[in-house]
Amino acid sequence: MAAVSHVFMLDYVAEILGEHPDLVDAIVSNDDNLSYGAIITVSAGPDDHRIAITDNGISELRDLIADLRRSPHEWDDFLHSVIDDPQALESVKAHIPR
């Protein structure tokens, strides 16, 4: 595996993929959804930590979303399993990916 030379913040990843930021955040918040090393914690201070993902993480995320969207039932089940907030869930469901 090549060394990680840069990472992408989650809002930018959502923009790149044309997905809702809450969806990207929910998926990445469970590190079992992507392979080890795809999710990076960036510390900007003692109490300031942000999550970012690698190039490979973006590819995995894109593939995961595409695979789940093949079945409306699987997609809905997945959304309910990763998003706890009802408002965020409705917002993600209403979002039309580009």
C-alpha atoms as a PDB file:
ATOM      1  CA  MET A   1       0.000   0.000   0.000  1.00  0.00           C
ATOM      2  CA  ALA A   2       1.337   3.409  -0.924  1.00  0.00           C
ATOM      3  CA  ALA A   3       1.919   6.005   1.768  1.00  0.00           C
ATOM      4  CA  VAL A   4      -0.876   8.515   2.284  1.00  0.00           C
ATOM      5  CA  SER A   5       0.260  11.886   0.988  1.00  0.00           C
ATOM      6  CA  HIS A   6      -2.984  13.819   1.380  1.00  0.00           C
ATOM      7  CA  VAL A   7      -6.508  13.441   2.727  1.00  0.00           C
ATOM      8  CA  PHE A   8      -9.866  15.037   2.013  1.00  0.00           C
ATOM      9  CA  MET A   9     -12.203  16.642   4.541  1.00  0.00           C
ATOM     10  CA  LEU A  10     -15.706  15.167   4.567  1.00  0.00           C
ATOM     11  CA  ASP A  11     -17.581  18.222   3.263  1.00  0.00           C
ATOM     12  CA  TYR A  12     -15.294  18.279   0.244  1.00  0.00           C
ATOM     13  CA  VAL A  13     -15.755  14.527  -0.269  1.00  0.00           C
ATOM     14  CA  ALA A  14     -19.536  15.046  -0.283  1.00  0.00           C
ATOM     15  CA  GLU A  15     -19.075  17.767  -2.902  1.00  0.00           C
ATOM     16  CA  ILE A  16     -16.791  15.564  -5.025  1.00  0.00           C
ATOM     17  CA  LEU A  17     -19.273  12.681  -4.913  1.00  0.00           C
ATOM     18  CA  GLY A  18     -22.378  14.857  -5.249  1.00  0.00           C
ATOM     19  CA  GLU A  19     -23.759  13.369  -2.027  1.00  0.00           C
ATOM     20  CA  HIS A  20     -25.362  14.919   1.026  1.00  0.00           C
ATOM     21  CA  PRO A  21     -22.724  15.803   3.680  1.00  0.00           C
ATOM     22  CA  ASP A  22     -24.787  14.106   6.415  1.00  0.00           C
ATOM     23  CA  LEU A  23     -24.683  10.852   4.441  1.00  0.00           C
ATOM     24  CA  VAL A  24     -20.904  10.966   4.053  1.00  0.00           C
ATOM     25  CA  ASP A  25     -20.483  11.835   7.728  1.00  0.00           C
ATOM     26  CA  ALA A  26     -22.795   9.006   8.839  1.00  0.00           C
ATOM     27  CA  ILE A  27     -21.024   6.398   6.721  1.00  0.00           C
ATOM     28  CA  VAL A  28     -17.542   7.480   7.770  1.00  0.00           C
ATOM     29  CA  SER A  29     -18.488   7.746  11.454  1.00  0.00           C
ATOM     30  CA  ASN A  30     -18.477   3.933  11.571  1.00  0.00           C
ATOM     31  CA  ASP A  31     -14.964   2.877  10.607  1.00  0.00           C
ATOM     32  CA  ASP A  32     -16.237  -0.620   9.766  1.00  0.00           C
ATOM     33  CA  ASN A  33     -17.761   0.811   6.568  1.00  0.00           C
ATOM     34  CA  LEU A  34     -14.367   1.452   4.935  1.00  0.00           C
ATOM     35  CA  SER A  35     -11.095  -0.443   5.060  1.00  0.00           C
ATOM     36  CA  TYR A  36      -8.441   0.191   7.683  1.00  0.00           C
ATOM     37  CA  GLY A  37      -6.443   3.332   6.923  1.00  0.00           C
ATOM     38  CA  ALA A  38      -9.082   4.927   4.683  1.00  0.00           C
ATOM     39  CA  ILE A  39     -10.381   7.106   7.532  1.00  0.00           C
ATOM     40  CA  ILE A  40      -7.925   9.524   9.159  1.00  0.00           C
ATOM     41  CA  THR A  41      -8.351  11.634  12.307  1.00  0.00           C
ATOM     42  CA  VAL A  42      -6.734  15.050  11.929  1.00  0.00           C
ATOM     43  CA  SER A  43      -5.916  16.912  15.137  1.00  0.00           C
ATOM     44  CA  ALA A  44      -5.948  20.692  14.868  1.00  0.00           C
ATOM     45  CA  GLY A  45      -5.557  21.233  18.603  1.00  0.00           C
ATOM     46  CA  PRO A  46      -6.102  19.491  21.927  1.00  0.00           C
ATOM     47  CA  ASP A  47      -9.897  19.531  21.578  1.00  0.00           C
ATOM     48  CA  ASP A  48     -10.219  19.965  17.822  1.00  0.00           C
ATOM     49  CA  HIS A  49     -10.321  16.704  15.879  1.00  0.00           C
ATOM     50  CA  ARG A  50     -11.689  16.275  12.367  1.00  0.00           C
ATOM     51  CA  ILE A  51     -12.215  13.247  10.203  1.00  0.00           C
ATOM     52  CA  ALA A  52     -10.803  12.993   6.698  1.00  0.00           C
ATOM     53  CA  ILE A  53     -10.491  10.185   4.178  1.00  0.00           C
ATOM     54  CA  THR A  54      -7.866   9.097   1.699  1.00  0.00           C
ATOM     55  CA  ASP A  55      -8.110   8.712  -2.084  1.00  0.00           C
ATOM     56  CA  ASN A  56      -8.763   5.001  -1.572  1.00  0.00           C
ATOM     57  CA  GLY A  57     -11.416   5.874   0.996  1.00  0.00           C
ATOM     58  CA  ILE A  58     -13.223   8.034  -1.564  1.00  0.00           C
ATOM     59  CA  SER A  59     -13.172   5.164  -4.059  1.00  0.00           C
ATOM     60  CA  GLU A  60     -14.481   2.734  -1.434  1.00  0.00           C
ATOM     61  CA  LEU A  61     -17.175   5.190  -0.386  1.00  0.00           C
ATOM     62  CA  ARG A  62     -18.258   5.721  -4.008  1.00  0.00           C
ATOM     63  CA  ASP A  63     -18.433   1.943  -4.583  1.00  0.00           C
ATOM     64  CA  LEU A  64     -20.314   1.321  -1.318  1.00  0.00           C
ATOM     65  CA  ILE A  65     -22.948   3.924  -2.147  1.00  0.00           C
ATOM     66  CA  ALA A  66     -23.332   2.681  -5.736  1.00  0.00           C
ATOM     67  CA  ASP A  67     -23.724  -0.938  -4.596  1.00  0.00           C
ATOM     68  CA  LEU A  68     -26.328  -0.065  -1.976  1.00  0.00           C
ATOM     69  CA  ARG A  69     -28.331   2.121  -4.353  1.00  0.00           C
ATOM     70  CA  ARG A  70     -28.903  -0.812  -6.707  1.00  0.00           C
ATOM     71  CA  SER A  71     -31.740  -1.938  -4.454  1.00  0.00           C
ATOM     72  CA  PRO A  72     -34.147   0.665  -3.057  1.00  0.00           C
ATOM     73  CA  HIS A  73     -34.912  -1.647  -0.128  1.00  0.00           C
ATOM     74  CA  GLU A  74     -31.216  -2.154   0.741  1.00  0.00           C
ATOM     75  CA  TRP A  75     -30.594   1.586   0.373  1.00  0.00           C
ATOM     76  CA  ASP A  76     -33.444   2.470   2.728  1.00  0.00           C
ATOM     77  CA  ASP A  77     -32.358  -0.151   5.268  1.00  0.00           C
ATOM     78  CA  PHE A  78     -28.789   1.129   5.115  1.00  0.00           C
ATOM     79  CA  LEU A  79     -29.834   4.762   5.603  1.00  0.00           C
ATOM     80  CA  HIS A  80     -31.887   3.821   8.655  1.00  0.00           C
ATOM     81  CA  SER A  81     -28.955   1.864  10.075  1.00  0.00           C
ATOM     82  CA  VAL A  82     -26.377   4.678   9.760  1.00  0.00           C
ATOM     83  CA  ILE A  83     -28.437   7.846  10.363  1.00  0.00           C
ATOM     84  CA  ASP A  84     -30.070   8.208  13.776  1.00  0.00           C
ATOM     85  CA  ASP A  85     -31.356  11.772  13.470  1.00  0.00           C
ATOM     86  CA  PRO A  86     -34.814  11.822  11.790  1.00  0.00           C
ATOM     87  CA  GLN A  87     -34.256  15.299  10.315  1.00  0.00           C
ATOM     88  CA  ALA A  88     -30.900  14.317   8.831  1.00  0.00           C
ATOM     89  CA  LEU A  89     -32.443  11.111   7.487  1.00  0.00           C
ATOM     90  CA  GLU A  90     -35.199  13.010   5.687  1.00  0.00           C
ATOM     91  CA  SER A  91     -32.697  15.525   4.365  1.00  0.00           C
ATOM     92  CA  VAL A  92     -30.483  12.767   2.978  1.00  0.00           C
ATOM     93  CA  LYS A  93     -33.460  10.953   1.440  1.00  0.00           C
ATOM     94  CA  ALA A  94     -34.613  14.186  -0.221  1.00  0.00           C
ATOM     95  CA  HIS A  95     -31.161  14.887  -1.657  1.00  0.00           C
ATOM     96  CA  ILE A  96     -30.854  14.006  -5.325  1.00  0.00           C
ATOM     97  CA  PRO A  97     -27.263  12.996  -6.083  1.00  0.00           C
ATOM     98  CA  ARG A  98     -25.724  14.609  -9.091  1.00  0.00           C
END
